[in-house]
Amino acid sequence: MVRPALRSRSLRRVKRRTPGGRTVTRYEKRKPGPARCARCGRPLAGVPRYRPYVLRNMSKTSKRPERPYGGVLCPTCLAELLREAIIGGQ
């Protein structure tokens, strides 16, 4: 029987092959949900789904798109906001 802490279903079970040829079950935390647009709630493309300890070691450019509001707004919402700002300024 495994440790009681590992019996929780919040951990995912992954079968891995060791160098010795044994197959073992490893217990990993699940992936977080996708990053979502702050305006419409659609999942953002170009934003990876990793745990914070993995994201810490990634470069900023690989964590979010390089455009205004990258990683916050989806391209559709950004285009709408820019259109509103240009039309509203005239």
N, C-alpha and C. Protein backbone atom coordinates (compact mmCIF):
# COMPACT_ATOMS: atom_id res chain seq x y z
N MET A 1 0.84 -1.19 0.00
CA MET A 1 0.00 0.00 0.00
C MET A 1 0.89 1.24 0.00
N VAL A 2 0.48 2.26 -0.75
CA VAL A 2 1.27 3.49 -0.82
C VAL A 2 0.99 4.36 0.39
N ARG A 3 1.82 5.40 0.54
CA ARG A 3 1.62 6.35 1.64
C ARG A 3 0.23 6.96 1.55
N PRO A 4 -0.40 7.23 2.68
CA PRO A 4 -1.74 7.82 2.64
C PRO A 4 -1.79 9.13 1.86
N ALA A 5 -0.74 9.92 1.90
CA ALA A 5 -0.74 11.20 1.18
C ALA A 5 -0.82 10.99 -0.33
N LEU A 6 -0.35 9.85 -0.82
CA LEU A 6 -0.34 9.60 -2.26
C LEU A 6 -1.64 8.98 -2.75
N ARG A 7 -2.55 8.64 -1.85
CA ARG A 7 -3.82 8.02 -2.26
C ARG A 7 -4.81 9.05 -2.78
N SER A 8 -4.50 10.33 -2.61
CA SER A 8 -5.41 11.39 -3.03
C SER A 8 -5.52 11.42 -4.55
N ARG A 9 -6.72 11.67 -5.05
CA ARG A 9 -6.90 11.74 -6.50
C ARG A 9 -6.49 13.09 -7.06
N SER A 10 -6.04 14.02 -6.19
CA SER A 10 -5.54 15.29 -6.71
C SER A 10 -4.17 15.09 -7.35
N LEU A 11 -3.55 13.95 -7.09
CA LEU A 11 -2.28 13.62 -7.74
C LEU A 11 -2.56 12.66 -8.90
N ARG A 12 -1.89 12.89 -10.03
CA ARG A 12 -2.10 11.98 -11.16
C ARG A 12 -1.06 10.88 -11.10
N ARG A 13 -1.45 9.71 -11.56
CA ARG A 13 -0.56 8.56 -11.56
C ARG A 13 0.04 8.41 -12.94
N VAL A 14 1.38 8.32 -12.98
CA VAL A 14 2.09 8.20 -14.24
C VAL A 14 2.98 6.97 -14.16
N LYS A 15 2.84 6.08 -15.12
CA LYS A 15 3.70 4.89 -15.15
C LYS A 15 5.01 5.27 -15.84
N ARG A 16 6.13 4.96 -15.19
CA ARG A 16 7.44 5.28 -15.73
C ARG A 16 8.31 4.04 -15.69
N ARG A 17 9.17 3.93 -16.65
CA ARG A 17 10.12 2.80 -16.72
C ARG A 17 11.44 3.26 -16.13
N THR A 18 11.98 2.53 -15.17
CA THR A 18 13.25 2.90 -14.56
C THR A 18 14.39 2.34 -15.42
N PRO A 19 15.60 2.85 -15.24
CA PRO A 19 16.74 2.32 -16.00
C PRO A 19 16.97 0.83 -15.72
N GLY A 20 16.54 0.36 -14.56
CA GLY A 20 16.69 -1.05 -14.23
C GLY A 20 15.65 -1.94 -14.90
N GLY A 21 14.69 -1.34 -15.61
CA GLY A 21 13.70 -2.13 -16.32
C GLY A 21 12.38 -2.30 -15.58
N ARG A 22 12.32 -1.85 -14.32
CA ARG A 22 11.07 -1.96 -13.58
C ARG A 22 10.11 -0.87 -14.04
N THR A 23 8.82 -1.14 -13.95
CA THR A 23 7.82 -0.11 -14.20
C THR A 23 7.30 0.34 -12.84
N VAL A 24 7.40 1.65 -12.59
CA VAL A 24 6.96 2.17 -11.30
C VAL A 24 5.88 3.22 -11.54
N THR A 25 5.06 3.43 -10.54
CA THR A 25 4.04 4.47 -10.62
C THR A 25 4.55 5.68 -9.87
N ARG A 26 4.61 6.81 -10.58
CA ARG A 26 5.00 8.07 -9.95
C ARG A 26 3.76 8.91 -9.76
N TYR A 27 3.75 9.71 -8.72
CA TYR A 27 2.61 10.55 -8.39
C TYR A 27 3.01 12.00 -8.62
N GLU A 28 2.31 12.67 -9.55
CA GLU A 28 2.64 14.05 -9.89
C GLU A 28 1.43 14.93 -9.67
N LYS A 29 1.70 16.21 -9.38
CA LYS A 29 0.60 17.17 -9.30
C LYS A 29 0.06 17.39 -10.70
N ARG A 30 -1.22 17.68 -10.80
CA ARG A 30 -1.85 17.85 -12.11
C ARG A 30 -1.45 19.19 -12.74
N LYS A 31 -1.64 19.26 -14.05
CA LYS A 31 -1.39 20.50 -14.78
C LYS A 31 -2.43 21.54 -14.41
N PRO A 32 -2.05 22.81 -14.33
CA PRO A 32 -3.06 23.83 -14.08
C PRO A 32 -3.92 24.05 -15.32
N GLY A 33 -5.07 24.67 -15.13
CA GLY A 33 -5.95 24.96 -16.25
C GLY A 33 -5.32 26.01 -17.15
N PRO A 34 -5.84 26.16 -18.36
CA PRO A 34 -5.25 27.13 -19.29
C PRO A 34 -5.46 28.57 -18.82
N ALA A 35 -4.51 29.44 -19.19
CA ALA A 35 -4.68 30.87 -18.91
C ALA A 35 -5.84 31.37 -19.75
N ARG A 36 -6.64 32.26 -19.17
CA ARG A 36 -7.84 32.72 -19.88
C ARG A 36 -7.81 34.22 -20.08
N CYS A 37 -8.50 34.66 -21.13
CA CYS A 37 -8.60 36.09 -21.45
C CYS A 37 -9.33 36.81 -20.33
N ALA A 38 -8.81 37.97 -19.94
CA ALA A 38 -9.41 38.73 -18.83
C ALA A 38 -10.74 39.33 -19.23
N ARG A 39 -11.00 39.45 -20.52
CA ARG A 39 -12.23 40.12 -20.98
C ARG A 39 -13.33 39.13 -21.33
N CYS A 40 -13.00 38.12 -22.17
CA CYS A 40 -14.04 37.20 -22.64
C CYS A 40 -13.95 35.81 -22.01
N GLY A 41 -12.80 35.48 -21.38
CA GLY A 41 -12.68 34.19 -20.72
C GLY A 41 -12.25 33.05 -21.61
N ARG A 42 -11.90 33.35 -22.87
CA ARG A 42 -11.44 32.31 -23.79
C ARG A 42 -10.03 31.86 -23.42
N PRO A 43 -9.69 30.57 -23.57
CA PRO A 43 -8.31 30.14 -23.28
C PRO A 43 -7.32 30.84 -24.20
N LEU A 44 -6.18 31.26 -23.65
CA LEU A 44 -5.19 32.01 -24.41
C LEU A 44 -4.24 31.06 -25.13
N ALA A 45 -4.01 31.34 -26.41
CA ALA A 45 -3.03 30.58 -27.18
C ALA A 45 -1.64 31.13 -26.88
N GLY A 46 -0.65 30.29 -26.90
CA GLY A 46 0.72 30.74 -26.71
C GLY A 46 1.14 30.89 -25.27
N VAL A 47 0.28 30.51 -24.33
CA VAL A 47 0.63 30.57 -22.91
C VAL A 47 0.68 29.13 -22.41
N PRO A 48 1.86 28.64 -21.99
CA PRO A 48 1.98 27.23 -21.61
C PRO A 48 1.26 26.91 -20.30
N ARG A 49 0.87 25.64 -20.18
CA ARG A 49 0.24 25.15 -18.95
C ARG A 49 1.26 24.34 -18.17
N TYR A 50 2.02 25.00 -17.32
CA TYR A 50 2.99 24.32 -16.49
C TYR A 50 2.81 24.77 -15.05
N ARG A 51 3.39 24.00 -14.13
CA ARG A 51 3.37 24.37 -12.73
C ARG A 51 4.32 25.54 -12.52
N PRO A 52 4.10 26.36 -11.48
CA PRO A 52 4.92 27.55 -11.28
C PRO A 52 6.42 27.26 -11.19
N TYR A 53 6.82 26.12 -10.64
CA TYR A 53 8.25 25.85 -10.52
C TYR A 53 8.90 25.62 -11.88
N VAL A 54 8.13 25.21 -12.88
CA VAL A 54 8.67 25.06 -14.24
C VAL A 54 8.69 26.42 -14.93
N LEU A 55 7.62 27.20 -14.76
CA LEU A 55 7.54 28.52 -15.39
C LEU A 55 8.63 29.45 -14.90
N ARG A 56 9.04 29.31 -13.64
CA ARG A 56 10.10 30.17 -13.09
C ARG A 56 11.38 30.08 -13.89
N ASN A 57 11.67 28.88 -14.43
CA ASN A 57 12.93 28.68 -15.14
C ASN A 57 12.83 28.95 -16.63
N MET A 58 11.64 29.32 -17.11
CA MET A 58 11.46 29.62 -18.53
C MET A 58 11.68 31.11 -18.78
N SER A 59 12.09 31.45 -20.00
CA SER A 59 12.27 32.86 -20.34
C SER A 59 10.91 33.53 -20.46
N LYS A 60 10.88 34.84 -20.30
CA LYS A 60 9.62 35.58 -20.33
C LYS A 60 8.96 35.45 -21.70
N THR A 61 9.78 35.42 -22.77
CA THR A 61 9.21 35.36 -24.12
C THR A 61 8.55 34.02 -24.41
N SER A 62 8.92 32.97 -23.70
CA SER A 62 8.28 31.68 -23.93
C SER A 62 7.07 31.47 -23.02
N LYS A 63 6.84 32.41 -22.10
CA LYS A 63 5.69 32.29 -21.19
C LYS A 63 4.44 33.00 -21.70
N ARG A 64 4.62 33.94 -22.65
CA ARG A 64 3.47 34.68 -23.15
C ARG A 64 3.81 35.28 -24.52
N PRO A 65 2.79 35.59 -25.36
CA PRO A 65 3.05 36.19 -26.67
C PRO A 65 3.63 37.60 -26.52
N GLU A 66 4.49 37.96 -27.46
CA GLU A 66 5.11 39.29 -27.41
C GLU A 66 4.27 40.27 -28.21
N ARG A 67 3.23 40.78 -27.58
CA ARG A 67 2.40 41.84 -28.16
C ARG A 67 1.76 42.57 -26.99
N PRO A 68 1.18 43.73 -27.23
CA PRO A 68 0.53 44.42 -26.10
C PRO A 68 -0.51 43.52 -25.45
N TYR A 69 -0.54 43.49 -24.15
CA TYR A 69 -1.45 42.66 -23.36
C TYR A 69 -1.28 41.17 -23.63
N GLY A 70 -0.09 40.76 -24.07
CA GLY A 70 0.18 39.34 -24.31
C GLY A 70 0.08 38.57 -23.01
N GLY A 71 -0.67 37.47 -23.00
CA GLY A 71 -0.85 36.68 -21.80
C GLY A 71 -1.98 37.18 -20.92
N VAL A 72 -2.66 38.27 -21.33
CA VAL A 72 -3.77 38.82 -20.56
C VAL A 72 -5.05 38.82 -21.39
N LEU A 73 -4.94 39.34 -22.64
CA LEU A 73 -6.09 39.41 -23.53
C LEU A 73 -5.87 38.53 -24.75
N CYS A 74 -6.96 37.97 -25.27
CA CYS A 74 -6.88 37.22 -26.52
C CYS A 74 -6.76 38.22 -27.68
N PRO A 75 -6.28 37.81 -28.84
CA PRO A 75 -6.09 38.74 -29.95
C PRO A 75 -7.39 39.42 -30.40
N THR A 76 -8.51 38.72 -30.31
CA THR A 76 -9.79 39.31 -30.72
C THR A 76 -10.16 40.48 -29.81
N CYS A 77 -10.06 40.27 -28.51
CA CYS A 77 -10.40 41.34 -27.56
C CYS A 77 -9.42 42.51 -27.70
N LEU A 78 -8.14 42.21 -27.93
CA LEU A 78 -7.15 43.27 -28.09
C LEU A 78 -7.49 44.11 -29.31
N ALA A 79 -7.85 43.47 -30.42
CA ALA A 79 -8.21 44.21 -31.64
C ALA A 79 -9.43 45.09 -31.38
N GLU A 80 -10.42 44.57 -30.66
CA GLU A 80 -11.62 45.36 -30.35
C GLU A 80 -11.26 46.57 -29.49
N LEU A 81 -10.43 46.36 -28.48
CA LEU A 81 -10.04 47.47 -27.60
C LEU A 81 -9.26 48.54 -28.37
N LEU A 82 -8.37 48.10 -29.26
CA LEU A 82 -7.60 49.07 -30.03
C LEU A 82 -8.51 49.86 -30.96
N ARG A 83 -9.49 49.16 -31.57
CA ARG A 83 -10.45 49.85 -32.44
C ARG A 83 -11.25 50.89 -31.66
N GLU A 84 -11.70 50.51 -30.47
CA GLU A 84 -12.46 51.43 -29.63
C GLU A 84 -11.60 52.65 -29.23
N ALA A 85 -10.32 52.40 -28.93
CA ALA A 85 -9.44 53.49 -28.51
C ALA A 85 -9.20 54.45 -29.67
N ILE A 86 -9.05 53.94 -30.88
CA ILE A 86 -8.79 54.79 -32.05
C ILE A 86 -10.06 55.56 -32.41
N ILE A 87 -11.18 54.89 -32.46
CA ILE A 87 -12.45 55.55 -32.83
C ILE A 87 -12.86 56.53 -31.73
N GLY A 88 -12.68 56.15 -30.49
CA GLY A 88 -13.06 57.02 -29.37
C GLY A 88 -12.19 58.26 -29.28
N GLY A 89 -10.95 58.19 -29.77
CA GLY A 89 -10.05 59.33 -29.70
C GLY A 89 -10.30 60.38 -30.76
N GLN A 90 -11.11 60.07 -31.79
CA GLN A 90 -11.34 61.03 -32.88
C GLN A 90 -12.43 62.03 -32.55
